[in-house]
Amino acid sequence: MIDSPDSRRKPPASRSAAGDPPLEEARLRQQAIGVKLRHMFDEVVNEPVPDEFLDILRRADERKASGGKT
């Protein structure tokens, strides 16, 4: 028999009066991952565009404006 993902799951932890600690830990991990991803992508977004790439875009725009093929 092949194990399905559901058959391998652990039973949910019992909830305490303070809330669900495993759920709160998961939220905190997700927030930390989100912060790191935003920081990483902000750096990429702020990098300058290479001149060669800008030239390619300009030529494509000129062809499009003159009715040439894409």
PDB file of N, CA and C in Angstrom:
ATOM      1  N   MET A   1       0.847  -1.185   0.000  1.00  0.00           N
ATOM      2  CA  MET A   1       0.000   0.000   0.000  1.00  0.00           C
ATOM      3  C   MET A   1       0.888   1.243   0.000  1.00  0.00           C
ATOM      4  N   ILE A   2       0.538   2.233  -0.770  1.00  0.00           N
ATOM      5  CA  ILE A   2       1.287   3.475  -0.840  1.00  0.00           C
ATOM      6  C   ILE A   2       0.737   4.436   0.194  1.00  0.00           C
ATOM      7  N   ASP A   3       1.653   5.042   0.950  1.00  0.00           N
ATOM      8  CA  ASP A   3       1.220   6.018   1.952  1.00  0.00           C
ATOM      9  C   ASP A   3       0.773   7.292   1.275  1.00  0.00           C
ATOM     10  N   SER A   4      -0.389   7.753   1.622  1.00  0.00           N
ATOM     11  CA  SER A   4      -0.848   9.047   1.129  1.00  0.00           C
ATOM     12  C   SER A   4      -0.354  10.103   2.108  1.00  0.00           C
ATOM     13  N   PRO A   5      -0.265  11.353   1.651  1.00  0.00           N
ATOM     14  CA  PRO A   5       0.190  12.407   2.574  1.00  0.00           C
ATOM     15  C   PRO A   5      -0.631  12.470   3.846  1.00  0.00           C
ATOM     16  N   ASP A   6      -1.939  12.195   3.748  1.00  0.00           N
ATOM     17  CA  ASP A   6      -2.795  12.274   4.923  1.00  0.00           C
ATOM     18  C   ASP A   6      -2.476  11.179   5.936  1.00  0.00           C
ATOM     19  N   SER A   7      -2.060  10.003   5.451  1.00  0.00           N
ATOM     20  CA  SER A   7      -1.810   8.902   6.373  1.00  0.00           C
ATOM     21  C   SER A   7      -0.519   9.091   7.150  1.00  0.00           C
ATOM     22  N   ARG A   8       0.373   9.989   6.692  1.00  0.00           N
ATOM     23  CA  ARG A   8       1.637  10.216   7.374  1.00  0.00           C
ATOM     24  C   ARG A   8       1.583  11.415   8.304  1.00  0.00           C
ATOM     25  N   ARG A   9       0.530  12.154   8.292  1.00  0.00           N
ATOM     26  CA  ARG A   9       0.430  13.343   9.135  1.00  0.00           C
ATOM     27  C   ARG A   9       0.326  12.964  10.599  1.00  0.00           C
ATOM     28  N   LYS A  10       0.913  13.802  11.416  1.00  0.00           N
ATOM     29  CA  LYS A  10       0.787  13.611  12.862  1.00  0.00           C
ATOM     30  C   LYS A  10      -0.566  14.153  13.292  1.00  0.00           C
ATOM     31  N   PRO A  11      -1.137  13.595  14.321  1.00  0.00           N
ATOM     32  CA  PRO A  11      -2.402  14.156  14.817  1.00  0.00           C
ATOM     33  C   PRO A  11      -2.166  15.560  15.327  1.00  0.00           C
ATOM     34  N   PRO A  12      -3.158  16.434  15.223  1.00  0.00           N
ATOM     35  CA  PRO A  12      -2.977  17.810  15.684  1.00  0.00           C
ATOM     36  C   PRO A  12      -2.686  17.858  17.173  1.00  0.00           C
ATOM     37  N   ALA A  13      -1.795  18.761  17.551  1.00  0.00           N
ATOM     38  CA  ALA A  13      -1.467  18.930  18.963  1.00  0.00           C
ATOM     39  C   ALA A  13      -2.669  19.530  19.684  1.00  0.00           C
ATOM     40  N   SER A  14      -2.806  19.174  20.935  1.00  0.00           N
ATOM     41  CA  SER A  14      -3.941  19.721  21.683  1.00  0.00           C
ATOM     42  C   SER A  14      -3.718  21.204  21.931  1.00  0.00           C
ATOM     43  N   ARG A  15      -4.797  21.946  21.910  1.00  0.00           N
ATOM     44  CA  ARG A  15      -4.725  23.399  22.101  1.00  0.00           C
ATOM     45  C   ARG A  15      -4.623  23.701  23.578  1.00  0.00           C
ATOM     46  N   SER A  16      -3.808  24.674  23.869  1.00  0.00           N
ATOM     47  CA  SER A  16      -3.689  25.118  25.260  1.00  0.00           C
ATOM     48  C   SER A  16      -4.523  26.378  25.440  1.00  0.00           C
ATOM     49  N   ALA A  17      -4.599  26.839  26.665  1.00  0.00           N
ATOM     50  CA  ALA A  17      -5.371  28.048  26.947  1.00  0.00           C
ATOM     51  C   ALA A  17      -4.729  29.268  26.292  1.00  0.00           C
ATOM     52  N   ALA A  18      -3.426  29.201  26.019  1.00  0.00           N
ATOM     53  CA  ALA A  18      -2.711  30.343  25.425  1.00  0.00           C
ATOM     54  C   ALA A  18      -2.821  30.369  23.904  1.00  0.00           C
ATOM     55  N   GLY A  19      -3.520  29.444  23.282  1.00  0.00           N
ATOM     56  CA  GLY A  19      -3.635  29.400  21.824  1.00  0.00           C
ATOM     57  C   GLY A  19      -2.979  28.143  21.298  1.00  0.00           C
ATOM     58  N   ASP A  20      -2.642  28.148  20.030  1.00  0.00           N
ATOM     59  CA  ASP A  20      -2.049  26.982  19.393  1.00  0.00           C
ATOM     60  C   ASP A  20      -0.575  27.266  19.110  1.00  0.00           C
ATOM     61  N   PRO A  21       0.345  26.862  19.998  1.00  0.00           N
ATOM     62  CA  PRO A  21       1.761  27.166  19.816  1.00  0.00           C
ATOM     63  C   PRO A  21       2.329  26.703  18.472  1.00  0.00           C
ATOM     64  N   PRO A  22       2.041  25.483  17.996  1.00  0.00           N
ATOM     65  CA  PRO A  22       2.609  25.094  16.691  1.00  0.00           C
ATOM     66  C   PRO A  22       2.152  26.022  15.559  1.00  0.00           C
ATOM     67  N   LEU A  23       0.914  26.458  15.619  1.00  0.00           N
ATOM     68  CA  LEU A  23       0.396  27.365  14.596  1.00  0.00           C
ATOM     69  C   LEU A  23       1.082  28.721  14.695  1.00  0.00           C
ATOM     70  N   GLU A  24       1.280  29.203  15.899  1.00  0.00           N
ATOM     71  CA  GLU A  24       1.953  30.482  16.100  1.00  0.00           C
ATOM     72  C   GLU A  24       3.406  30.401  15.629  1.00  0.00           C
ATOM     73  N   GLU A  25       4.085  29.296  15.907  1.00  0.00           N
ATOM     74  CA  GLU A  25       5.461  29.108  15.448  1.00  0.00           C
ATOM     75  C   GLU A  25       5.523  29.099  13.920  1.00  0.00           C
ATOM     76  N   ALA A  26       4.562  28.443  13.293  1.00  0.00           N
ATOM     77  CA  ALA A  26       4.519  28.397  11.832  1.00  0.00           C
ATOM     78  C   ALA A  26       4.310  29.798  11.260  1.00  0.00           C
ATOM     79  N   ARG A  27       3.449  30.569  11.880  1.00  0.00           N
ATOM     80  CA  ARG A  27       3.223  31.954  11.423  1.00  0.00           C
ATOM     81  C   ARG A  27       4.494  32.790  11.553  1.00  0.00           C
ATOM     82  N   LEU A  28       5.195  32.625  12.664  1.00  0.00           N
ATOM     83  CA  LEU A  28       6.434  33.376  12.867  1.00  0.00           C
ATOM     84  C   LEU A  28       7.486  32.977  11.831  1.00  0.00           C
ATOM     85  N   ARG A  29       7.579  31.685  11.521  1.00  0.00           N
ATOM     86  CA  ARG A  29       8.523  31.234  10.491  1.00  0.00           C
ATOM     87  C   ARG A  29       8.152  31.817   9.134  1.00  0.00           C
ATOM     88  N   GLN A  30       6.872  31.812   8.807  1.00  0.00           N
ATOM     89  CA  GLN A  30       6.428  32.373   7.531  1.00  0.00           C
ATOM     90  C   GLN A  30       6.732  33.865   7.453  1.00  0.00           C
ATOM     91  N   GLN A  31       6.524  34.577   8.548  1.00  0.00           N
ATOM     92  CA  GLN A  31       6.839  36.011   8.570  1.00  0.00           C
ATOM     93  C   GLN A  31       8.328  36.234   8.353  1.00  0.00           C
ATOM     94  N   ALA A  32       9.164  35.434   9.001  1.00  0.00           N
ATOM     95  CA  ALA A  32      10.614  35.582   8.853  1.00  0.00           C
ATOM     96  C   ALA A  32      11.033  35.297   7.420  1.00  0.00           C
ATOM     97  N   ILE A  33      10.461  34.268   6.811  1.00  0.00           N
ATOM     98  CA  ILE A  33      10.765  33.954   5.413  1.00  0.00           C
ATOM     99  C   ILE A  33      10.331  35.106   4.519  1.00  0.00           C
ATOM    100  N   GLY A  34       9.150  35.650   4.763  1.00  0.00           N
ATOM    101  CA  GLY A  34       8.643  36.767   3.969  1.00  0.00           C
ATOM    102  C   GLY A  34       9.540  37.988   4.057  1.00  0.00           C
ATOM    103  N   VAL A  35      10.026  38.286   5.264  1.00  0.00           N
ATOM    104  CA  VAL A  35      10.911  39.436   5.452  1.00  0.00           C
ATOM    105  C   VAL A  35      12.205  39.228   4.672  1.00  0.00           C
ATOM    106  N   LYS A  36      12.768  38.033   4.756  1.00  0.00           N
ATOM    107  CA  LYS A  36      14.024  37.754   4.045  1.00  0.00           C
ATOM    108  C   LYS A  36      13.826  37.802   2.529  1.00  0.00           C
ATOM    109  N   LEU A  37      12.713  37.262   2.043  1.00  0.00           N
ATOM    110  CA  LEU A  37      12.446  37.301   0.598  1.00  0.00           C
ATOM    111  C   LEU A  37      12.264  38.733   0.107  1.00  0.00           C
ATOM    112  N   ARG A  38      11.511  39.541   0.862  1.00  0.00           N
ATOM    113  CA  ARG A  38      11.332  40.945   0.468  1.00  0.00           C
ATOM    114  C   ARG A  38      12.663  41.676   0.426  1.00  0.00           C
ATOM    115  N   HIS A  39      13.511  41.427   1.420  1.00  0.00           N
ATOM    116  CA  HIS A  39      14.825  42.073   1.461  1.00  0.00           C
ATOM    117  C   HIS A  39      15.650  41.660   0.239  1.00  0.00           C
ATOM    118  N   MET A  40      15.644  40.369  -0.079  1.00  0.00           N
ATOM    119  CA  MET A  40      16.410  39.867  -1.212  1.00  0.00           C
ATOM    120  C   MET A  40      15.892  40.459  -2.530  1.00  0.00           C
ATOM    121  N   PHE A  41      14.591  40.470  -2.722  1.00  0.00           N
ATOM    122  CA  PHE A  41      14.036  40.980  -3.973  1.00  0.00           C
ATOM    123  C   PHE A  41      14.142  42.491  -4.073  1.00  0.00           C
ATOM    124  N   ASP A  42      14.101  43.206  -2.948  1.00  0.00           N
ATOM    125  CA  ASP A  42      14.314  44.648  -2.979  1.00  0.00           C
ATOM    126  C   ASP A  42      15.700  44.966  -3.515  1.00  0.00           C
ATOM    127  N   GLU A  43      16.692  44.170  -3.109  1.00  0.00           N
ATOM    128  CA  GLU A  43      18.050  44.377  -3.616  1.00  0.00           C
ATOM    129  C   GLU A  43      18.093  44.168  -5.130  1.00  0.00           C
ATOM    130  N   VAL A  44      17.419  43.137  -5.619  1.00  0.00           N
ATOM    131  CA  VAL A  44      17.417  42.844  -7.053  1.00  0.00           C
ATOM    132  C   VAL A  44      16.705  43.952  -7.829  1.00  0.00           C
ATOM    133  N   VAL A  45      15.580  44.409  -7.309  1.00  0.00           N
ATOM    134  CA  VAL A  45      14.807  45.454  -7.981  1.00  0.00           C
ATOM    135  C   VAL A  45      15.606  46.749  -8.077  1.00  0.00           C
ATOM    136  N   ASN A  46      16.418  47.012  -7.086  1.00  0.00           N
ATOM    137  CA  ASN A  46      17.178  48.262  -7.059  1.00  0.00           C
ATOM    138  C   ASN A  46      18.487  48.200  -7.842  1.00  0.00           C
ATOM    139  N   GLU A  47      18.828  47.037  -8.389  1.00  0.00           N
ATOM    140  CA  GLU A  47      20.046  46.933  -9.195  1.00  0.00           C
ATOM    141  C   GLU A  47      19.846  47.679 -10.514  1.00  0.00           C
ATOM    142  N   PRO A  48      20.907  48.272 -11.042  1.00  0.00           N
ATOM    143  CA  PRO A  48      20.777  48.964 -12.329  1.00  0.00           C
ATOM    144  C   PRO A  48      20.577  47.968 -13.468  1.00  0.00           C
ATOM    145  N   VAL A  49      19.856  48.412 -14.494  1.00  0.00           N
ATOM    146  CA  VAL A  49      19.629  47.580 -15.670  1.00  0.00           C
ATOM    147  C   VAL A  49      20.855  47.712 -16.580  1.00  0.00           C
ATOM    148  N   PRO A  50      21.431  46.603 -17.024  1.00  0.00           N
ATOM    149  CA  PRO A  50      22.613  46.674 -17.893  1.00  0.00           C
ATOM    150  C   PRO A  50      22.311  47.422 -19.191  1.00  0.00           C
ATOM    151  N   ASP A  51      23.299  48.189 -19.668  1.00  0.00           N
ATOM    152  CA  ASP A  51      23.143  48.966 -20.905  1.00  0.00           C
ATOM    153  C   ASP A  51      22.768  48.088 -22.088  1.00  0.00           C
ATOM    154  N   GLU A  52      23.356  46.884 -22.166  1.00  0.00           N
ATOM    155  CA  GLU A  52      23.056  45.985 -23.283  1.00  0.00           C
ATOM    156  C   GLU A  52      21.571  45.626 -23.317  1.00  0.00           C
ATOM    157  N   PHE A  53      21.008  45.410 -22.146  1.00  0.00           N
ATOM    158  CA  PHE A  53      19.592  45.061 -22.072  1.00  0.00           C
ATOM    159  C   PHE A  53      18.726  46.250 -22.458  1.00  0.00           C
ATOM    160  N   LEU A  54      19.116  47.441 -22.020  1.00  0.00           N
ATOM    161  CA  LEU A  54      18.374  48.651 -22.395  1.00  0.00           C
ATOM    162  C   LEU A  54      18.419  48.853 -23.916  1.00  0.00           C
ATOM    163  N   ASP A  55      19.573  48.568 -24.545  1.00  0.00           N
ATOM    164  CA  ASP A  55      19.683  48.680 -26.003  1.00  0.00           C
ATOM    165  C   ASP A  55      18.737  47.712 -26.704  1.00  0.00           C
ATOM    166  N   ILE A  56      18.658  46.498 -26.204  1.00  0.00           N
ATOM    167  CA  ILE A  56      17.749  45.503 -26.788  1.00  0.00           C
ATOM    168  C   ILE A  56      16.309  45.997 -26.689  1.00  0.00           C
ATOM    169  N   LEU A  57      15.929  46.529 -25.538  1.00  0.00           N
ATOM    170  CA  LEU A  57      14.567  47.045 -25.358  1.00  0.00           C
ATOM    171  C   LEU A  57      14.286  48.230 -26.280  1.00  0.00           C
ATOM    172  N   ARG A  58      15.264  49.124 -26.438  1.00  0.00           N
ATOM    173  CA  ARG A  58      15.078  50.277 -27.333  1.00  0.00           C
ATOM    174  C   ARG A  58      14.873  49.818 -28.773  1.00  0.00           C
ATOM    175  N   ARG A  59      15.698  48.861 -29.221  1.00  0.00           N
ATOM    176  CA  ARG A  59      15.555  48.356 -30.596  1.00  0.00           C
ATOM    177  C   ARG A  59      14.206  47.679 -30.801  1.00  0.00           C
ATOM    178  N   ALA A  60      13.744  46.952 -29.798  1.00  0.00           N
ATOM    179  CA  ALA A  60      12.436  46.296 -29.903  1.00  0.00           C
ATOM    180  C   ALA A  60      11.327  47.341 -29.996  1.00  0.00           C
ATOM    181  N   ASP A  61      11.443  48.403 -29.210  1.00  0.00           N
ATOM    182  CA  ASP A  61      10.447  49.477 -29.261  1.00  0.00           C
ATOM    183  C   ASP A  61      10.459  50.172 -30.625  1.00  0.00           C
ATOM    184  N   GLU A  62      11.651  50.386 -31.178  1.00  0.00           N
ATOM    185  CA  GLU A  62      11.751  51.028 -32.486  1.00  0.00           C
ATOM    186  C   GLU A  62      11.128  50.165 -33.580  1.00  0.00           C
ATOM    187  N   ARG A  63      11.365  48.861 -33.527  1.00  0.00           N
ATOM    188  CA  ARG A  63      10.769  47.958 -34.518  1.00  0.00           C
ATOM    189  C   ARG A  63       9.255  47.955 -34.397  1.00  0.00           C
ATOM    190  N   LYS A  64       8.782  47.925 -33.170  1.00  0.00           N
ATOM    191  CA  LYS A  64       7.331  47.922 -32.953  1.00  0.00           C
ATOM    192  C   LYS A  64       6.699  49.209 -33.468  1.00  0.00           C
ATOM    193  N   ALA A  65       7.360  50.347 -33.228  1.00  0.00           N
ATOM    194  CA  ALA A  65       6.828  51.635 -33.666  1.00  0.00           C
ATOM    195  C   ALA A  65       6.843  51.763 -35.177  1.00  0.00           C
ATOM    196  N   SER A  66       7.824  51.125 -35.831  1.00  0.00           N
ATOM    197  CA  SER A  66       7.914  51.218 -37.290  1.00  0.00           C
ATOM    198  C   SER A  66       7.101  50.138 -37.989  1.00  0.00           C
ATOM    199  N   GLY A  67       6.416  49.299 -37.220  1.00  0.00           N
ATOM    200  CA  GLY A  67       5.561  48.278 -37.800  1.00  0.00           C
ATOM    201  C   GLY A  67       6.290  47.012 -38.161  1.00  0.00           C
ATOM    202  N   GLY A  68       7.509  46.836 -37.650  1.00  0.00           N
ATOM    203  CA  GLY A  68       8.282  45.629 -37.923  1.00  0.00           C
ATOM    204  C   GLY A  68       7.789  44.461 -37.116  1.00  0.00           C
ATOM    205  N   LYS A  69       8.349  43.292 -37.421  1.00  0.00           N
ATOM    206  CA  LYS A  69       7.982  42.081 -36.680  1.00  0.00           C
ATOM    207  C   LYS A  69       8.600  42.131 -35.294  1.00  0.00           C
ATOM    208  N   THR A  70       7.953  41.441 -34.349  1.00  0.00           N
ATOM    209  CA  THR A  70       8.456  41.406 -32.966  1.00  0.00           C
ATOM    210  C   THR A  70       9.581  40.458 -32.798  1.00  0.00           C
TER     211      THR A  70
END
